[in-house]
Amino acid sequence: MRKVDQIVNTDLGSYLRQMRERVRPEQRGLRTSGSRRVPGLRREEVAALAGVSQTYYTRLEQSQTAHASPQVLLSIARALDLSTDERDYLLKIGTPVQDPHQPAPQADQLSPSTKMLMASLGNVAAAVLNYRCDILAWNSLYHKLFAPHLDFDVTEDGDRRPNIIKMNYLDDNVRALYADWAAESESNVTYLRFISGNHRHDPRLAELIGELTIQSEEFAALWCRQRVSNCIEGTKLFDHPVIGELELMYQSADLQDGNILKFYHAEPDSPHEAALQLLTVDLDSVHHR
């Protein structure tokens, strides 16, 4: 299991160092005098702000102690001024896995109610993902928005099933869709990092992260920064090869079968909604207009 941990990189000590080094002393009301050999706060400063001994905090950061109580972790989170998502991630990786030998959940099957829901979402681009962001199902509009170059039924094949983050980084057709690739790139990595806190011993997730790290220097650099965010809603700007510029809102919702519903929609009665609806028309007929 240690090999998987190293690839997923959910080490508590490494995360604490990254978070400590980004905090400036003046942000925490500390006076600075002279030069500092390292960026951010010193270990003794974090320990004092969190109300724990310097020796204990140092053991945590040097991975001599792998876990801490939730109370201590919350105190450290406040000292480091972590966001809600970053705090939740710290709590996940700072506490023991209940059963590290338990096999990863198999949530790749759609329930009948999920299938009915997908069939009813004709006016939004919708897909069902597992927590690794493998696409288990998509409606026609989602398929035409993101990956018309792939067979529609590819999601039904477990060996060929696309992964949206992998496509974003390694499929030029998909990557070119994002008008603000820098923002999309960072949100992909921070979300995957957030998810990894819950699935530290999943070999398939480790395989995905390992493949992206090897094949994309950009992904590898962002992954090492250890930033965390649960990106469940927001707005994205697309540059679609057929319908042009498109601003869509996105949301994610947990389903009862353990999967995630991801859907994109435009503001009602806007030019973006009209453009999105063009994708309900056969793409070839749009090309020849």
C-alpha atoms as a PDB file:
ATOM      1  CA  MET A   1       0.000   0.000   0.000  1.00  0.00           C
ATOM      2  CA  ARG A   2       2.936   2.317   0.586  1.00  0.00           C
ATOM      3  CA  LYS A   3       3.654   2.438  -3.147  1.00  0.00           C
ATOM      4  CA  VAL A   4       0.143   3.757  -3.798  1.00  0.00           C
ATOM      5  CA  ASP A   5       0.551   6.369  -1.046  1.00  0.00           C
ATOM      6  CA  GLN A   6       3.737   7.639  -2.659  1.00  0.00           C
ATOM      7  CA  ILE A   7       2.044   8.104  -6.054  1.00  0.00           C
ATOM      8  CA  VAL A   8      -1.124   9.688  -4.668  1.00  0.00           C
ATOM      9  CA  ASN A   9       1.112  11.782  -2.355  1.00  0.00           C
ATOM     10  CA  THR A  10      -1.292  12.338   0.532  1.00  0.00           C
ATOM     11  CA  ASP A  11       1.559  12.514   3.047  1.00  0.00           C
ATOM     12  CA  LEU A  12       0.626  14.712   6.024  1.00  0.00           C
ATOM     13  CA  GLY A  13       4.110  16.112   6.570  1.00  0.00           C
ATOM     14  CA  SER A  14       4.554  17.163   2.958  1.00  0.00           C
ATOM     15  CA  TYR A  15       1.174  18.895   2.947  1.00  0.00           C
ATOM     16  CA  LEU A  16       1.910  20.790   6.165  1.00  0.00           C
ATOM     17  CA  ARG A  17       5.212  22.049   4.758  1.00  0.00           C
ATOM     18  CA  GLN A  18       3.543  23.279   1.577  1.00  0.00           C
ATOM     19  CA  MET A  19       0.829  25.101   3.524  1.00  0.00           C
ATOM     20  CA  ARG A  20       3.281  26.611   6.029  1.00  0.00           C
ATOM     21  CA  GLU A  21       5.578  27.988   3.343  1.00  0.00           C
ATOM     22  CA  ARG A  22       2.803  29.914   1.613  1.00  0.00           C
ATOM     23  CA  VAL A  23       1.756  31.906   4.714  1.00  0.00           C
ATOM     24  CA  ARG A  24       3.545  35.204   5.276  1.00  0.00           C
ATOM     25  CA  PRO A  25       4.257  36.100   8.935  1.00  0.00           C
ATOM     26  CA  GLU A  26       2.419  39.421   8.669  1.00  0.00           C
ATOM     27  CA  GLN A  27      -0.739  37.559   7.642  1.00  0.00           C
ATOM     28  CA  ARG A  28      -0.790  36.013  11.110  1.00  0.00           C
ATOM     29  CA  GLY A  29       0.131  39.210  12.934  1.00  0.00           C
ATOM     30  CA  LEU A  30       3.765  38.218  13.496  1.00  0.00           C
ATOM     31  CA  ARG A  31       6.637  40.679  13.466  1.00  0.00           C
ATOM     32  CA  THR A  32       9.579  39.933  11.213  1.00  0.00           C
ATOM     33  CA  SER A  33      13.152  40.943  11.800  1.00  0.00           C
ATOM     34  CA  GLY A  34      16.156  40.117   9.657  1.00  0.00           C
ATOM     35  CA  SER A  35      16.191  37.704   6.758  1.00  0.00           C
ATOM     36  CA  ARG A  36      14.479  34.321   6.677  1.00  0.00           C
ATOM     37  CA  ARG A  37      16.121  31.255   5.203  1.00  0.00           C
ATOM     38  CA  VAL A  38      12.786  29.707   4.231  1.00  0.00           C
ATOM     39  CA  PRO A  39       9.563  31.236   2.865  1.00  0.00           C
ATOM     40  CA  GLY A  40       6.468  31.469   5.008  1.00  0.00           C
ATOM     41  CA  LEU A  41       6.150  30.727   8.688  1.00  0.00           C
ATOM     42  CA  ARG A  42       8.709  28.929  10.820  1.00  0.00           C
ATOM     43  CA  ARG A  43       7.746  25.653  12.456  1.00  0.00           C
ATOM     44  CA  GLU A  44       7.898  27.165  15.923  1.00  0.00           C
ATOM     45  CA  GLU A  45       5.529  29.924  14.801  1.00  0.00           C
ATOM     46  CA  VAL A  46       2.955  27.450  13.530  1.00  0.00           C
ATOM     47  CA  ALA A  47       3.273  25.452  16.741  1.00  0.00           C
ATOM     48  CA  ALA A  48       2.723  28.564  18.859  1.00  0.00           C
ATOM     49  CA  LEU A  49      -0.274  29.689  16.809  1.00  0.00           C
ATOM     50  CA  ALA A  50      -1.797  26.193  17.001  1.00  0.00           C
ATOM     51  CA  GLY A  51      -1.119  25.770  20.722  1.00  0.00           C
ATOM     52  CA  VAL A  52       0.993  22.620  20.365  1.00  0.00           C
ATOM     53  CA  SER A  53       4.618  21.957  21.234  1.00  0.00           C
ATOM     54  CA  GLN A  54       7.281  22.697  18.649  1.00  0.00           C
ATOM     55  CA  THR A  55       8.617  19.162  19.041  1.00  0.00           C
ATOM     56  CA  TYR A  56       5.222  17.621  18.319  1.00  0.00           C
ATOM     57  CA  TYR A  57       4.565  19.820  15.289  1.00  0.00           C
ATOM     58  CA  THR A  58       8.045  19.073  13.938  1.00  0.00           C
ATOM     59  CA  ARG A  59       7.376  15.334  14.247  1.00  0.00           C
ATOM     60  CA  LEU A  60       4.173  15.786  12.226  1.00  0.00           C
ATOM     61  CA  GLU A  61       5.906  17.785   9.507  1.00  0.00           C
ATOM     62  CA  GLN A  62       8.815  15.350   9.285  1.00  0.00           C
ATOM     63  CA  SER A  63       6.349  12.430   8.992  1.00  0.00           C
ATOM     64  CA  GLN A  64       7.694  10.880  12.197  1.00  0.00           C
ATOM     65  CA  THR A  65       4.099  10.953  13.398  1.00  0.00           C
ATOM     66  CA  ALA A  66       1.616  10.064  10.673  1.00  0.00           C
ATOM     67  CA  HIS A  67      -1.624  11.141  12.381  1.00  0.00           C
ATOM     68  CA  ALA A  68      -3.017  13.588  14.898  1.00  0.00           C
ATOM     69  CA  SER A  69      -6.287  14.140  16.721  1.00  0.00           C
ATOM     70  CA  PRO A  70      -9.000  16.128  14.931  1.00  0.00           C
ATOM     71  CA  GLN A  71      -8.671  18.850  17.601  1.00  0.00           C
ATOM     72  CA  VAL A  72      -4.956  19.301  16.884  1.00  0.00           C
ATOM     73  CA  LEU A  73      -5.515  19.257  13.125  1.00  0.00           C
ATOM     74  CA  LEU A  74      -8.222  21.909  13.403  1.00  0.00           C
ATOM     75  CA  SER A  75      -5.898  24.093  15.465  1.00  0.00           C
ATOM     76  CA  ILE A  76      -3.160  23.730  12.845  1.00  0.00           C
ATOM     77  CA  ALA A  77      -5.688  24.515  10.091  1.00  0.00           C
ATOM     78  CA  ARG A  78      -6.568  27.776  11.825  1.00  0.00           C
ATOM     79  CA  ALA A  79      -2.878  28.608  12.319  1.00  0.00           C
ATOM     80  CA  LEU A  80      -2.211  28.069   8.619  1.00  0.00           C
ATOM     81  CA  ASP A  81      -5.368  29.951   7.597  1.00  0.00           C
ATOM     82  CA  LEU A  82      -6.631  27.022   5.520  1.00  0.00           C
ATOM     83  CA  SER A  83      -9.807  27.269   3.453  1.00  0.00           C
ATOM     84  CA  THR A  84     -12.736  24.994   4.236  1.00  0.00           C
ATOM     85  CA  ASP A  85     -11.725  22.522   1.513  1.00  0.00           C
ATOM     86  CA  GLU A  86      -8.078  22.593   2.624  1.00  0.00           C
ATOM     87  CA  ARG A  87      -9.121  21.996   6.250  1.00  0.00           C
ATOM     88  CA  ASP A  88     -11.311  19.054   5.254  1.00  0.00           C
ATOM     89  CA  TYR A  89      -8.450  17.584   3.239  1.00  0.00           C
ATOM     90  CA  LEU A  90      -6.077  17.983   6.210  1.00  0.00           C
ATOM     91  CA  LEU A  91      -8.546  16.114   8.423  1.00  0.00           C
ATOM     92  CA  LYS A  92      -8.761  13.296   5.884  1.00  0.00           C
ATOM     93  CA  ILE A  93      -5.047  12.739   5.427  1.00  0.00           C
ATOM     94  CA  GLY A  94      -4.231  13.412   9.077  1.00  0.00           C
ATOM     95  CA  THR A  95      -6.408  10.608  10.438  1.00  0.00           C
ATOM     96  CA  PRO A  96      -5.935   6.863   9.904  1.00  0.00           C
ATOM     97  CA  VAL A  97      -7.777   5.064   7.116  1.00  0.00           C
ATOM     98  CA  GLN A  98     -10.457   2.951   8.766  1.00  0.00           C
ATOM     99  CA  ASP A  99      -9.559  -0.173   6.809  1.00  0.00           C
ATOM    100  CA  PRO A 100      -6.574   0.274   4.465  1.00  0.00           C
ATOM    101  CA  HIS A 101      -7.078  -3.254   3.084  1.00  0.00           C
ATOM    102  CA  GLN A 102     -10.682  -2.650   2.088  1.00  0.00           C
ATOM    103  CA  PRO A 103     -11.019  -2.798  -1.709  1.00  0.00           C
ATOM    104  CA  ALA A 104     -11.862   0.386  -3.522  1.00  0.00           C
ATOM    105  CA  PRO A 105     -15.611   0.865  -3.977  1.00  0.00           C
ATOM    106  CA  GLN A 106     -17.016  -0.234  -7.294  1.00  0.00           C
ATOM    107  CA  ALA A 107     -19.439   2.544  -8.120  1.00  0.00           C
ATOM    108  CA  ASP A 108     -19.265   2.192 -11.888  1.00  0.00           C
ATOM    109  CA  GLN A 109     -22.806   0.889 -12.329  1.00  0.00           C
ATOM    110  CA  LEU A 110     -25.763   3.197 -12.917  1.00  0.00           C
ATOM    111  CA  SER A 111     -28.949   2.709 -10.957  1.00  0.00           C
ATOM    112  CA  PRO A 112     -32.285   2.672 -12.846  1.00  0.00           C
ATOM    113  CA  SER A 113     -33.205   6.040 -11.336  1.00  0.00           C
ATOM    114  CA  THR A 114     -29.944   7.572 -12.572  1.00  0.00           C
ATOM    115  CA  LYS A 115     -30.598   6.261 -16.070  1.00  0.00           C
ATOM    116  CA  MET A 116     -34.069   7.832 -16.003  1.00  0.00           C
ATOM    117  CA  LEU A 117     -32.606  11.127 -14.805  1.00  0.00           C
ATOM    118  CA  MET A 118     -30.069  11.193 -17.628  1.00  0.00           C
ATOM    119  CA  ALA A 119     -32.778  10.533 -20.205  1.00  0.00           C
ATOM    120  CA  SER A 120     -34.793  13.510 -18.926  1.00  0.00           C
ATOM    121  CA  LEU A 121     -31.973  16.068 -19.131  1.00  0.00           C
ATOM    122  CA  GLY A 122     -32.301  17.053 -22.769  1.00  0.00           C
ATOM    123  CA  ASN A 123     -31.684  20.790 -22.421  1.00  0.00           C
ATOM    124  CA  VAL A 124     -28.479  20.619 -20.400  1.00  0.00           C
ATOM    125  CA  ALA A 125     -25.159  18.905 -21.057  1.00  0.00           C
ATOM    126  CA  ALA A 126     -25.007  16.164 -18.431  1.00  0.00           C
ATOM    127  CA  ALA A 127     -22.716  13.287 -17.539  1.00  0.00           C
ATOM    128  CA  VAL A 128     -22.383  10.789 -14.698  1.00  0.00           C
ATOM    129  CA  LEU A 129     -18.850  10.424 -13.319  1.00  0.00           C
ATOM    130  CA  ASN A 130     -17.346   8.234 -10.651  1.00  0.00           C
ATOM    131  CA  TYR A 131     -15.044   9.882  -8.100  1.00  0.00           C
ATOM    132  CA  ARG A 132     -12.032   9.280 -10.370  1.00  0.00           C
ATOM    133  CA  CYS A 133     -13.843  11.361 -13.023  1.00  0.00           C
ATOM    134  CA  ASP A 134     -14.305   8.407 -15.386  1.00  0.00           C
ATOM    135  CA  ILE A 135     -17.366   9.158 -17.535  1.00  0.00           C
ATOM    136  CA  LEU A 136     -19.911   6.395 -16.943  1.00  0.00           C
ATOM    137  CA  ALA A 137     -22.635   7.959 -19.075  1.00  0.00           C
ATOM    138  CA  TRP A 138     -23.298  11.167 -20.951  1.00  0.00           C
ATOM    139  CA  ASN A 139     -26.265  12.592 -22.771  1.00  0.00           C
ATOM    140  CA  SER A 140     -26.073  13.648 -26.392  1.00  0.00           C
ATOM    141  CA  LEU A 141     -25.495  17.322 -25.587  1.00  0.00           C
ATOM    142  CA  TYR A 142     -22.542  16.624 -23.264  1.00  0.00           C
ATOM    143  CA  HIS A 143     -21.032  14.289 -25.844  1.00  0.00           C
ATOM    144  CA  LYS A 144     -21.347  16.892 -28.623  1.00  0.00           C
ATOM    145  CA  LEU A 145     -19.969  19.634 -26.381  1.00  0.00           C
ATOM    146  CA  PHE A 146     -16.864  17.805 -25.165  1.00  0.00           C
ATOM    147  CA  ALA A 147     -16.025  14.798 -27.302  1.00  0.00           C
ATOM    148  CA  PRO A 148     -17.875  14.348 -30.592  1.00  0.00           C
ATOM    149  CA  HIS A 149     -14.678  12.753 -31.961  1.00  0.00           C
ATOM    150  CA  LEU A 150     -15.323   9.751 -29.679  1.00  0.00           C
ATOM    151  CA  ASP A 151     -18.000   7.095 -30.161  1.00  0.00           C
ATOM    152  CA  PHE A 152     -21.107   7.904 -28.157  1.00  0.00           C
ATOM    153  CA  ASP A 153     -21.234   4.415 -26.626  1.00  0.00           C
ATOM    154  CA  VAL A 154     -17.580   4.431 -25.478  1.00  0.00           C
ATOM    155  CA  THR A 155     -18.743   5.130 -21.921  1.00  0.00           C
ATOM    156  CA  GLU A 156     -20.272   1.661 -21.770  1.00  0.00           C
ATOM    157  CA  ASP A 157     -16.920  -0.039 -22.298  1.00  0.00           C
ATOM    158  CA  GLY A 158     -14.970  -0.277 -19.038  1.00  0.00           C
ATOM    159  CA  ASP A 159     -11.663  -0.676 -20.887  1.00  0.00           C
ATOM    160  CA  ARG A 160     -12.170   2.360 -23.154  1.00  0.00           C
ATOM    161  CA  ARG A 161     -14.223   4.587 -20.885  1.00  0.00           C
ATOM    162  CA  PRO A 162     -12.952   8.201 -21.073  1.00  0.00           C
ATOM    163  CA  ASN A 163     -11.773  10.146 -18.035  1.00  0.00           C
ATOM    164  CA  ILE A 164     -12.551  13.849 -18.214  1.00  0.00           C
ATOM    165  CA  ILE A 165      -9.377  15.024 -16.450  1.00  0.00           C
ATOM    166  CA  LYS A 166      -7.204  12.751 -18.561  1.00  0.00           C
ATOM    167  CA  MET A 167      -8.901  14.065 -21.712  1.00  0.00           C
ATOM    168  CA  ASN A 168      -8.447  17.657 -20.588  1.00  0.00           C
ATOM    169  CA  TYR A 169      -4.700  17.176 -20.321  1.00  0.00           C
ATOM    170  CA  LEU A 170      -3.894  14.600 -22.984  1.00  0.00           C
ATOM    171  CA  ASP A 171      -6.553  15.039 -25.693  1.00  0.00           C
ATOM    172  CA  ASP A 172      -5.840  18.153 -27.761  1.00  0.00           C
ATOM    173  CA  ASN A 173      -9.430  18.239 -29.048  1.00  0.00           C
ATOM    174  CA  VAL A 174     -10.795  18.589 -25.525  1.00  0.00           C
ATOM    175  CA  ARG A 175      -8.070  20.810 -24.115  1.00  0.00           C
ATOM    176  CA  ALA A 176      -8.607  23.359 -26.894  1.00  0.00           C
ATOM    177  CA  LEU A 177     -12.222  23.859 -25.778  1.00  0.00           C
ATOM    178  CA  TYR A 178     -11.273  25.890 -22.701  1.00  0.00           C
ATOM    179  CA  ALA A 179     -10.824  29.604 -23.305  1.00  0.00           C
ATOM    180  CA  ASP A 180      -9.081  29.926 -19.912  1.00  0.00           C
ATOM    181  CA  TRP A 181      -6.917  26.814 -19.815  1.00  0.00           C
ATOM    182  CA  ALA A 182      -4.824  28.028 -16.859  1.00  0.00           C
ATOM    183  CA  ALA A 183      -7.902  28.202 -14.617  1.00  0.00           C
ATOM    184  CA  GLU A 184      -9.239  24.874 -15.908  1.00  0.00           C
ATOM    185  CA  SER A 185      -5.885  23.186 -15.428  1.00  0.00           C
ATOM    186  CA  GLU A 186      -5.584  24.303 -11.818  1.00  0.00           C
ATOM    187  CA  SER A 187      -9.177  23.385 -10.935  1.00  0.00           C
ATOM    188  CA  ASN A 188      -8.661  19.878 -12.353  1.00  0.00           C
ATOM    189  CA  VAL A 189      -5.617  19.271 -10.174  1.00  0.00           C
ATOM    190  CA  THR A 190      -6.998  20.840  -7.002  1.00  0.00           C
ATOM    191  CA  TYR A 191     -10.183  18.787  -7.331  1.00  0.00           C
ATOM    192  CA  LEU A 192      -8.277  15.557  -7.936  1.00  0.00           C
ATOM    193  CA  ARG A 193      -6.115  16.341  -4.895  1.00  0.00           C
ATOM    194  CA  PHE A 194      -9.269  16.916  -2.806  1.00  0.00           C
ATOM    195  CA  ILE A 195     -10.727  13.572  -3.930  1.00  0.00           C
ATOM    196  CA  SER A 196      -7.488  11.717  -3.204  1.00  0.00           C
ATOM    197  CA  GLY A 197      -7.899  12.452   0.494  1.00  0.00           C
ATOM    198  CA  ASN A 198     -10.856  10.055   0.618  1.00  0.00           C
ATOM    199  CA  HIS A 199      -9.242   7.360  -1.522  1.00  0.00           C
ATOM    200  CA  ARG A 200      -5.620   7.127  -0.411  1.00  0.00           C
ATOM    201  CA  HIS A 201      -5.408   3.387  -1.139  1.00  0.00           C
ATOM    202  CA  ASP A 202      -7.138   3.231  -4.510  1.00  0.00           C
ATOM    203  CA  PRO A 203      -4.663   1.762  -7.032  1.00  0.00           C
ATOM    204  CA  ARG A 204      -6.722   2.924 -10.022  1.00  0.00           C
ATOM    205  CA  LEU A 205      -6.666   6.509  -8.774  1.00  0.00           C
ATOM    206  CA  ALA A 206      -2.920   6.195  -8.173  1.00  0.00           C
ATOM    207  CA  GLU A 207      -2.511   4.863 -11.711  1.00  0.00           C
ATOM    208  CA  LEU A 208      -4.395   7.864 -13.133  1.00  0.00           C
ATOM    209  CA  ILE A 209      -2.298  10.352 -11.158  1.00  0.00           C
ATOM    210  CA  GLY A 210       0.892   8.535 -12.084  1.00  0.00           C
ATOM    211  CA  GLU A 211       0.046   8.541 -15.794  1.00  0.00           C
ATOM    212  CA  LEU A 212      -0.803  12.247 -15.779  1.00  0.00           C
ATOM    213  CA  THR A 213       2.350  13.069 -13.834  1.00  0.00           C
ATOM    214  CA  ILE A 214       4.503  11.212 -16.355  1.00  0.00           C
ATOM    215  CA  GLN A 215       2.807  12.512 -19.499  1.00  0.00           C
ATOM    216  CA  SER A 216       2.185  16.124 -18.464  1.00  0.00           C
ATOM    217  CA  GLU A 217       4.879  18.302 -16.895  1.00  0.00           C
ATOM    218  CA  GLU A 218       2.200  20.914 -16.248  1.00  0.00           C
ATOM    219  CA  PHE A 219       0.090  18.461 -14.263  1.00  0.00           C
ATOM    220  CA  ALA A 220       3.141  17.242 -12.326  1.00  0.00           C
ATOM    221  CA  ALA A 221       4.108  20.774 -11.310  1.00  0.00           C
ATOM    222  CA  LEU A 222       0.593  21.639 -10.143  1.00  0.00           C
ATOM    223  CA  TRP A 223       0.198  18.324  -8.322  1.00  0.00           C
ATOM    224  CA  CYS A 224       3.360  18.955  -6.298  1.00  0.00           C
ATOM    225  CA  ARG A 225       1.947  22.289  -5.074  1.00  0.00           C
ATOM    226  CA  GLN A 226      -0.688  20.314  -3.111  1.00  0.00           C
ATOM    227  CA  ARG A 227      -3.438  22.903  -3.500  1.00  0.00           C
ATOM    228  CA  VAL A 228      -6.925  21.645  -2.663  1.00  0.00           C
ATOM    229  CA  SER A 229     -10.413  22.684  -3.768  1.00  0.00           C
ATOM    230  CA  ASN A 230     -13.703  20.855  -4.166  1.00  0.00           C
ATOM    231  CA  CYS A 231     -14.806  22.418  -7.459  1.00  0.00           C
ATOM    232  CA  ILE A 232     -18.528  21.657  -7.487  1.00  0.00           C
ATOM    233  CA  GLU A 233     -19.932  24.770  -9.153  1.00  0.00           C
ATOM    234  CA  GLY A 234     -18.863  27.760 -11.162  1.00  0.00           C
ATOM    235  CA  THR A 235     -18.694  29.219 -14.667  1.00  0.00           C
ATOM    236  CA  LYS A 236     -16.512  28.211 -17.607  1.00  0.00           C
ATOM    237  CA  LEU A 237     -15.832  29.915 -20.911  1.00  0.00           C
ATOM    238  CA  PHE A 238     -15.527  27.617 -23.929  1.00  0.00           C
ATOM    239  CA  ASP A 239     -14.273  28.185 -27.442  1.00  0.00           C
ATOM    240  CA  HIS A 240     -16.135  25.503 -29.359  1.00  0.00           C
ATOM    241  CA  PRO A 241     -14.994  24.733 -32.930  1.00  0.00           C
ATOM    242  CA  VAL A 242     -18.589  24.675 -34.222  1.00  0.00           C
ATOM    243  CA  ILE A 243     -20.580  27.222 -32.200  1.00  0.00           C
ATOM    244  CA  GLY A 244     -17.810  29.545 -31.028  1.00  0.00           C
ATOM    245  CA  GLU A 245     -17.592  31.290 -27.657  1.00  0.00           C
ATOM    246  CA  LEU A 246     -19.843  29.827 -25.016  1.00  0.00           C
ATOM    247  CA  GLU A 247     -20.205  30.728 -21.334  1.00  0.00           C
ATOM    248  CA  LEU A 248     -21.747  27.929 -19.281  1.00  0.00           C
ATOM    249  CA  MET A 249     -22.463  27.421 -15.613  1.00  0.00           C
ATOM    250  CA  TYR A 250     -21.643  24.031 -14.133  1.00  0.00           C
ATOM    251  CA  GLN A 251     -22.739  22.149 -11.037  1.00  0.00           C
ATOM    252  CA  SER A 252     -22.055  18.765  -9.467  1.00  0.00           C
ATOM    253  CA  ALA A 253     -24.424  16.671  -7.374  1.00  0.00           C
ATOM    254  CA  ASP A 254     -23.881  13.429  -5.481  1.00  0.00           C
ATOM    255  CA  LEU A 255     -26.142  10.583  -6.562  1.00  0.00           C
ATOM    256  CA  GLN A 256     -27.499   7.813  -4.354  1.00  0.00           C
ATOM    257  CA  ASP A 257     -25.572   5.176  -6.299  1.00  0.00           C
ATOM    258  CA  GLY A 258     -22.290   6.778  -5.221  1.00  0.00           C
ATOM    259  CA  ASN A 259     -21.589   8.565  -8.483  1.00  0.00           C
ATOM    260  CA  ILE A 260     -21.571  12.258  -9.413  1.00  0.00           C
ATOM    261  CA  LEU A 261     -23.898  14.093 -11.778  1.00  0.00           C
ATOM    262  CA  LYS A 262     -22.098  16.855 -13.648  1.00  0.00           C
ATOM    263  CA  PHE A 263     -24.131  19.235 -15.776  1.00  0.00           C
ATOM    264  CA  TYR A 264     -23.550  22.398 -17.769  1.00  0.00           C
ATOM    265  CA  HIS A 265     -26.220  24.945 -18.610  1.00  0.00           C
ATOM    266  CA  ALA A 266     -26.450  28.471 -19.943  1.00  0.00           C
ATOM    267  CA  GLU A 267     -28.291  31.480 -18.584  1.00  0.00           C
ATOM    268  CA  PRO A 268     -31.908  31.256 -19.794  1.00  0.00           C
ATOM    269  CA  ASP A 269     -32.779  33.307 -22.877  1.00  0.00           C
ATOM    270  CA  SER A 270     -29.148  34.268 -23.420  1.00  0.00           C
ATOM    271  CA  PRO A 271     -27.122  33.992 -26.654  1.00  0.00           C
ATOM    272  CA  HIS A 272     -25.145  31.249 -24.903  1.00  0.00           C
ATOM    273  CA  GLU A 273     -28.296  29.190 -24.402  1.00  0.00           C
ATOM    274  CA  ALA A 274     -29.162  29.605 -28.076  1.00  0.00           C
ATOM    275  CA  ALA A 275     -25.647  28.557 -29.085  1.00  0.00           C
ATOM    276  CA  LEU A 276     -25.761  25.527 -26.809  1.00  0.00           C
ATOM    277  CA  GLN A 277     -29.018  24.401 -28.351  1.00  0.00           C
ATOM    278  CA  LEU A 278     -27.360  24.405 -31.768  1.00  0.00           C
ATOM    279  CA  LEU A 279     -25.499  21.322 -30.609  1.00  0.00           C
ATOM    280  CA  THR A 280     -28.770  19.424 -30.436  1.00  0.00           C
ATOM    281  CA  VAL A 281     -28.733  19.655 -34.232  1.00  0.00           C
ATOM    282  CA  ASP A 282     -26.575  17.188 -36.155  1.00  0.00           C
ATOM    283  CA  LEU A 283     -23.059  18.655 -36.299  1.00  0.00           C
ATOM    284  CA  ASP A 284     -22.649  17.934 -39.992  1.00  0.00           C
ATOM    285  CA  SER A 285     -25.727  19.971 -40.850  1.00  0.00           C
ATOM    286  CA  VAL A 286     -24.382  22.885 -38.783  1.00  0.00           C
ATOM    287  CA  HIS A 287     -21.034  22.736 -40.626  1.00  0.00           C
ATOM    288  CA  HIS A 288     -22.753  23.055 -44.015  1.00  0.00           C
ATOM    289  CA  ARG A 289     -24.985  26.000 -43.221  1.00  0.00           C
END
